[in-house]
Each structure stands twice: as C-alpha cells, then as structure tokens.
Amino acid sequence: MPPISESEIVKLKRVDPSERGNLYDLVDDYLLELGTHRELPVGPTDAAGYSYLHLYWKEAGRHPFFILSGDTRVGFVLIREVASESIIEMSSKKMVGGVSSTSRSLPTEPNNH
C-alpha cells in the first residue's frame, strides 16, 4: 500500500466561539446544497434557521468541529450526544484525498463502556 500523502490527511479542530461565523458560513453552504436535492424545502434553509446551532457553545454534549485538510477548512462536523448514542452531522464540500462527502445525522454505536 502506498504511503498516505499530506493532502489525504484530514484533522478535526474544535470550533472556537470566535470562529462561529466561519462555521455559520459552512452550514449555510451545506443547507443550500442540501436544498437543491429536494422538491420541497424541509427544515432550515440557512444557519440562522438552524435553531440549535448556537447551542454547540452552550450545552454539554454538543461538540462543533471543522474538518481540516492541512490548514484549509474543508467541512464541519457537529456531534450531539443523546443518551448513550451520538448523532453526527457533517459536511465536506471540497475533495480530500479524492473523496467528497455530504452526510447528515449518522447515528453511532452506543457507548457500552
């Protein structure tokens, strides 16, 4: 297997409250793109309409992250812990290691520690 190049490595970086505007911009882009795949609008159509976004800096169990390729923001991940599960919302619009993804609400396995 060939070695992984620097451009294929992605990292998560917690979104600092001072970077909130950058996250809102990414969420706007994500929701705009998501809306193009629906005949009728369902749910929020921009970050301002996503009424829970501001809670990622206020409530325990909510964790906002940027997806970074090198020093470039290529997407975001929002993790919300609910009972023993985590709900993950993510978007990455730029190609990272030849892969582009847009996903939403990915339930994770319960934490059975």
N, C-alpha and C. Protein backbone atom coordinates (compact mmCIF):
# COMPACT_ATOMS: atom_id res chain seq x y z
N MET A 1 0.84 -1.17 0.00
CA MET A 1 0.00 0.00 0.00
C MET A 1 0.90 1.24 0.00
N PRO A 2 0.61 2.22 -0.89
CA PRO A 2 1.45 3.42 -0.93
C PRO A 2 1.25 4.28 0.32
N PRO A 3 2.26 5.05 0.67
CA PRO A 3 2.11 5.91 1.84
C PRO A 3 1.04 6.97 1.61
N ILE A 4 0.45 7.42 2.70
CA ILE A 4 -0.58 8.45 2.63
C ILE A 4 0.08 9.81 2.44
N SER A 5 -0.40 10.56 1.45
CA SER A 5 0.17 11.89 1.21
C SER A 5 -0.45 12.90 2.18
N GLU A 6 0.24 14.02 2.34
CA GLU A 6 -0.24 15.08 3.25
C GLU A 6 -1.63 15.57 2.86
N SER A 7 -1.93 15.59 1.56
CA SER A 7 -3.23 16.07 1.09
C SER A 7 -4.37 15.11 1.43
N GLU A 8 -4.05 13.87 1.79
CA GLU A 8 -5.07 12.89 2.14
C GLU A 8 -5.37 12.85 3.64
N ILE A 9 -4.57 13.54 4.43
CA ILE A 9 -4.75 13.53 5.87
C ILE A 9 -5.73 14.62 6.26
N VAL A 10 -6.77 14.25 6.98
CA VAL A 10 -7.71 15.24 7.49
C VAL A 10 -7.66 15.22 9.01
N LYS A 11 -7.95 16.38 9.59
CA LYS A 11 -7.95 16.52 11.05
C LYS A 11 -9.23 17.21 11.46
N LEU A 12 -9.61 17.00 12.70
CA LEU A 12 -10.73 17.73 13.29
C LEU A 12 -10.17 18.77 14.24
N LYS A 13 -10.75 19.97 14.19
CA LYS A 13 -10.36 21.05 15.08
C LYS A 13 -11.63 21.62 15.70
N ARG A 14 -11.67 21.64 17.03
CA ARG A 14 -12.85 22.17 17.71
C ARG A 14 -13.05 23.63 17.29
N VAL A 15 -14.31 23.99 17.03
CA VAL A 15 -14.62 25.35 16.61
C VAL A 15 -14.66 26.25 17.85
N ASP A 16 -13.76 27.21 17.88
CA ASP A 16 -13.71 28.19 18.95
C ASP A 16 -14.89 29.16 18.77
N PRO A 17 -15.45 29.66 19.86
CA PRO A 17 -16.55 30.63 19.72
C PRO A 17 -16.20 31.82 18.81
N SER A 18 -14.93 32.21 18.79
CA SER A 18 -14.52 33.33 17.92
C SER A 18 -14.59 32.97 16.44
N GLU A 19 -14.69 31.66 16.12
CA GLU A 19 -14.76 31.20 14.73
C GLU A 19 -16.19 30.83 14.32
N ARG A 20 -17.14 31.19 15.16
CA ARG A 20 -18.55 30.82 14.93
C ARG A 20 -19.02 31.27 13.54
N GLY A 21 -18.65 32.47 13.12
CA GLY A 21 -19.07 32.97 11.81
C GLY A 21 -18.61 32.08 10.67
N ASN A 22 -17.40 31.52 10.79
CA ASN A 22 -16.89 30.61 9.75
C ASN A 22 -17.73 29.34 9.70
N LEU A 23 -18.14 28.84 10.86
CA LEU A 23 -18.99 27.65 10.88
C LEU A 23 -20.35 27.97 10.28
N TYR A 24 -20.92 29.13 10.62
CA TYR A 24 -22.21 29.52 10.07
C TYR A 24 -22.14 29.58 8.54
N ASP A 25 -21.03 30.09 7.99
CA ASP A 25 -20.87 30.14 6.54
C ASP A 25 -20.88 28.73 5.93
N LEU A 26 -20.17 27.79 6.57
CA LEU A 26 -20.15 26.41 6.07
C LEU A 26 -21.52 25.76 6.17
N VAL A 27 -22.24 26.03 7.26
CA VAL A 27 -23.59 25.47 7.42
C VAL A 27 -24.52 26.06 6.37
N ASP A 28 -24.39 27.37 6.09
CA ASP A 28 -25.19 27.99 5.02
C ASP A 28 -24.96 27.26 3.70
N ASP A 29 -23.70 27.04 3.34
CA ASP A 29 -23.37 26.35 2.09
C ASP A 29 -23.96 24.95 2.06
N TYR A 30 -23.83 24.23 3.19
CA TYR A 30 -24.33 22.86 3.29
C TYR A 30 -25.85 22.81 3.10
N LEU A 31 -26.57 23.69 3.80
CA LEU A 31 -28.02 23.66 3.72
C LEU A 31 -28.51 24.12 2.34
N LEU A 32 -27.79 25.06 1.73
CA LEU A 32 -28.13 25.48 0.38
C LEU A 32 -27.99 24.31 -0.59
N GLU A 33 -26.88 23.59 -0.49
CA GLU A 33 -26.67 22.43 -1.36
C GLU A 33 -27.71 21.35 -1.08
N LEU A 34 -27.99 21.09 0.17
CA LEU A 34 -28.97 20.07 0.54
C LEU A 34 -30.33 20.39 -0.06
N GLY A 35 -30.69 21.68 -0.06
CA GLY A 35 -31.98 22.10 -0.59
C GLY A 35 -32.14 21.87 -2.08
N THR A 36 -31.03 21.81 -2.81
CA THR A 36 -31.11 21.58 -4.25
C THR A 36 -31.49 20.15 -4.58
N HIS A 37 -31.44 19.27 -3.61
CA HIS A 37 -31.76 17.85 -3.84
C HIS A 37 -33.18 17.50 -3.40
N ARG A 38 -33.97 18.51 -3.08
CA ARG A 38 -35.35 18.28 -2.62
C ARG A 38 -36.33 19.08 -3.48
N GLU A 39 -37.49 18.49 -3.71
CA GLU A 39 -38.52 19.22 -4.46
C GLU A 39 -39.15 20.30 -3.60
N LEU A 40 -39.34 20.02 -2.33
CA LEU A 40 -39.92 20.97 -1.39
C LEU A 40 -38.95 21.20 -0.24
N PRO A 41 -38.82 22.45 0.22
CA PRO A 41 -37.91 22.69 1.35
C PRO A 41 -38.40 22.00 2.62
N VAL A 42 -37.48 21.35 3.30
CA VAL A 42 -37.78 20.68 4.56
C VAL A 42 -36.73 21.12 5.57
N GLY A 43 -37.15 21.63 6.70
CA GLY A 43 -36.20 22.05 7.72
C GLY A 43 -35.57 23.39 7.37
N PRO A 44 -34.52 23.74 8.11
CA PRO A 44 -33.89 25.04 7.91
C PRO A 44 -33.21 25.13 6.54
N THR A 45 -33.16 26.36 6.01
CA THR A 45 -32.52 26.57 4.72
C THR A 45 -31.24 27.40 4.85
N ASP A 46 -30.92 27.84 6.07
CA ASP A 46 -29.67 28.54 6.32
C ASP A 46 -29.30 28.39 7.79
N ALA A 47 -28.09 28.81 8.14
CA ALA A 47 -27.60 28.63 9.51
C ALA A 47 -28.48 29.37 10.52
N ALA A 48 -28.98 30.54 10.14
CA ALA A 48 -29.84 31.30 11.05
C ALA A 48 -31.13 30.54 11.37
N GLY A 49 -31.59 29.72 10.44
CA GLY A 49 -32.80 28.93 10.65
C GLY A 49 -32.57 27.64 11.42
N TYR A 50 -31.31 27.28 11.61
CA TYR A 50 -30.97 26.06 12.37
C TYR A 50 -30.92 26.46 13.84
N SER A 51 -32.03 26.36 14.50
CA SER A 51 -32.21 26.94 15.83
C SER A 51 -31.32 26.33 16.92
N TYR A 52 -30.65 25.24 16.65
CA TYR A 52 -29.81 24.61 17.68
C TYR A 52 -28.33 24.93 17.52
N LEU A 53 -27.95 25.59 16.43
CA LEU A 53 -26.54 25.79 16.14
C LEU A 53 -25.82 26.56 17.25
N HIS A 54 -26.43 27.60 17.78
CA HIS A 54 -25.78 28.40 18.84
C HIS A 54 -25.56 27.59 20.11
N LEU A 55 -26.30 26.51 20.28
CA LEU A 55 -26.19 25.69 21.50
C LEU A 55 -24.91 24.86 21.54
N TYR A 56 -24.21 24.75 20.41
CA TYR A 56 -22.97 23.97 20.39
C TYR A 56 -21.87 24.61 21.24
N TRP A 57 -22.07 25.85 21.68
CA TRP A 57 -21.10 26.52 22.58
C TRP A 57 -21.69 26.71 23.96
N LYS A 58 -22.92 26.22 24.19
CA LYS A 58 -23.59 26.46 25.47
C LYS A 58 -23.96 25.19 26.22
N GLU A 59 -24.31 24.13 25.51
CA GLU A 59 -24.80 22.91 26.14
C GLU A 59 -23.74 21.82 26.17
N ALA A 60 -23.68 21.13 27.30
CA ALA A 60 -22.82 19.94 27.39
C ALA A 60 -23.35 18.90 26.40
N GLY A 61 -22.47 18.11 25.83
CA GLY A 61 -22.88 17.06 24.92
C GLY A 61 -22.98 17.51 23.47
N ARG A 62 -22.69 18.78 23.19
CA ARG A 62 -22.67 19.29 21.81
C ARG A 62 -21.24 19.71 21.49
N HIS A 63 -20.74 19.27 20.33
CA HIS A 63 -19.33 19.48 20.00
C HIS A 63 -19.20 19.87 18.53
N PRO A 64 -18.83 21.13 18.24
CA PRO A 64 -18.62 21.55 16.85
C PRO A 64 -17.15 21.44 16.44
N PHE A 65 -16.90 20.91 15.25
CA PHE A 65 -15.54 20.77 14.75
C PHE A 65 -15.48 21.21 13.29
N PHE A 66 -14.33 21.74 12.90
CA PHE A 66 -14.00 21.94 11.50
C PHE A 66 -13.27 20.69 11.03
N ILE A 67 -13.46 20.32 9.76
CA ILE A 67 -12.65 19.31 9.11
C ILE A 67 -11.57 20.07 8.37
N LEU A 68 -10.31 19.74 8.65
CA LEU A 68 -9.17 20.43 8.03
C LEU A 68 -8.38 19.47 7.15
N SER A 69 -7.98 19.98 6.00
CA SER A 69 -7.02 19.30 5.15
C SER A 69 -5.82 20.24 5.11
N GLY A 70 -4.75 19.86 5.78
CA GLY A 70 -3.66 20.80 6.01
C GLY A 70 -4.18 21.91 6.91
N ASP A 71 -4.03 23.15 6.47
CA ASP A 71 -4.57 24.28 7.22
C ASP A 71 -5.87 24.80 6.63
N THR A 72 -6.43 24.09 5.65
CA THR A 72 -7.63 24.55 4.95
C THR A 72 -8.88 23.90 5.52
N ARG A 73 -9.89 24.71 5.84
CA ARG A 73 -11.19 24.20 6.29
C ARG A 73 -11.91 23.62 5.07
N VAL A 74 -12.27 22.36 5.16
CA VAL A 74 -12.96 21.71 4.04
C VAL A 74 -14.35 21.23 4.43
N GLY A 75 -14.73 21.41 5.68
CA GLY A 75 -16.05 20.97 6.09
C GLY A 75 -16.22 21.13 7.59
N PHE A 76 -17.29 20.54 8.10
CA PHE A 76 -17.57 20.62 9.52
C PHE A 76 -18.21 19.33 10.01
N VAL A 77 -18.14 19.13 11.30
CA VAL A 77 -18.81 18.01 11.97
C VAL A 77 -19.47 18.58 13.21
N LEU A 78 -20.76 18.25 13.41
CA LEU A 78 -21.47 18.61 14.62
C LEU A 78 -21.84 17.32 15.33
N ILE A 79 -21.39 17.18 16.55
CA ILE A 79 -21.67 15.96 17.31
C ILE A 79 -22.58 16.33 18.48
N ARG A 80 -23.66 15.58 18.60
CA ARG A 80 -24.60 15.80 19.71
C ARG A 80 -24.81 14.46 20.41
N GLU A 81 -24.48 14.43 21.68
CA GLU A 81 -24.66 13.20 22.47
C GLU A 81 -26.09 13.16 22.98
N VAL A 82 -26.77 12.04 22.72
CA VAL A 82 -28.14 11.84 23.17
C VAL A 82 -28.19 10.49 23.86
N ALA A 83 -28.48 10.51 25.16
CA ALA A 83 -28.48 9.28 25.96
C ALA A 83 -27.15 8.57 25.76
N SER A 84 -27.17 7.34 25.27
CA SER A 84 -25.92 6.59 25.11
C SER A 84 -25.44 6.60 23.65
N GLU A 85 -26.06 7.42 22.79
CA GLU A 85 -25.67 7.48 21.40
C GLU A 85 -25.17 8.88 21.06
N SER A 86 -24.48 9.02 19.97
CA SER A 86 -24.08 10.31 19.44
C SER A 86 -24.68 10.46 18.05
N ILE A 87 -25.17 11.66 17.76
CA ILE A 87 -25.67 11.97 16.43
C ILE A 87 -24.62 12.86 15.79
N ILE A 88 -24.18 12.50 14.61
CA ILE A 88 -23.12 13.24 13.93
C ILE A 88 -23.69 13.83 12.65
N GLU A 89 -23.53 15.15 12.49
CA GLU A 89 -23.87 15.81 11.24
C GLU A 89 -22.58 16.34 10.66
N MET A 90 -22.36 16.11 9.39
CA MET A 90 -21.10 16.55 8.80
C MET A 90 -21.30 16.98 7.37
N SER A 91 -20.39 17.79 6.91
CA SER A 91 -20.38 18.19 5.52
C SER A 91 -18.94 18.49 5.12
N SER A 92 -18.55 18.00 3.98
CA SER A 92 -17.24 18.32 3.42
C SER A 92 -17.45 18.52 1.93
N LYS A 93 -17.38 19.76 1.48
CA LYS A 93 -17.66 20.06 0.08
C LYS A 93 -16.44 19.94 -0.80
N LYS A 94 -15.25 20.06 -0.25
CA LYS A 94 -14.04 20.01 -1.06
C LYS A 94 -13.52 18.57 -1.10
N MET A 95 -12.82 18.28 -2.17
CA MET A 95 -12.22 16.96 -2.32
C MET A 95 -11.07 16.80 -1.33
N VAL A 96 -11.08 15.74 -0.60
CA VAL A 96 -10.00 15.41 0.34
C VAL A 96 -9.57 14.00 0.01
N GLY A 97 -8.36 13.85 -0.43
CA GLY A 97 -7.87 12.52 -0.79
C GLY A 97 -8.72 11.86 -1.86
N GLY A 98 -9.28 12.68 -2.77
CA GLY A 98 -10.10 12.13 -3.85
C GLY A 98 -11.52 11.82 -3.45
N VAL A 99 -11.93 12.21 -2.24
CA VAL A 99 -13.28 11.89 -1.76
C VAL A 99 -13.98 13.18 -1.37
N SER A 100 -15.23 13.32 -1.78
CA SER A 100 -16.06 14.44 -1.36
C SER A 100 -17.30 13.83 -0.71
N SER A 101 -17.73 14.39 0.41
CA SER A 101 -18.89 13.80 1.05
C SER A 101 -19.80 14.86 1.62
N THR A 102 -21.07 14.55 1.63
CA THR A 102 -22.07 15.32 2.35
C THR A 102 -22.95 14.30 3.03
N SER A 103 -22.98 14.31 4.35
CA SER A 103 -23.75 13.34 5.11
C SER A 103 -24.51 14.08 6.19
N ARG A 104 -25.53 13.43 6.73
CA ARG A 104 -26.29 14.07 7.79
C ARG A 104 -26.84 13.02 8.74
N SER A 105 -26.84 13.34 9.99
CA SER A 105 -27.45 12.52 11.04
C SER A 105 -27.04 11.06 10.95
N LEU A 106 -25.81 10.81 11.27
CA LEU A 106 -25.28 9.46 11.26
C LEU A 106 -25.27 8.93 12.69
N PRO A 107 -26.22 8.05 13.05
CA PRO A 107 -26.18 7.53 14.42
C PRO A 107 -24.94 6.67 14.62
N THR A 108 -24.36 6.75 15.77
CA THR A 108 -23.19 5.94 16.09
C THR A 108 -23.59 4.81 17.01
N GLU A 109 -22.70 3.89 17.17
CA GLU A 109 -22.96 2.76 18.07
C GLU A 109 -23.04 3.27 19.50
N PRO A 110 -23.92 2.70 20.32
CA PRO A 110 -23.97 3.09 21.73
C PRO A 110 -22.63 2.86 22.40
N ASN A 111 -22.28 3.70 23.34
CA ASN A 111 -21.06 3.57 24.09
C ASN A 111 -21.32 2.59 25.24
N ASN A 112 -20.76 1.41 25.11
CA ASN A 112 -21.02 0.35 26.10
C ASN A 112 -19.86 0.15 27.04
N HIS A 113 -19.18 1.23 27.48
CA HIS A 113 -18.06 1.10 28.41
C HIS A 113 -18.56 0.87 29.81
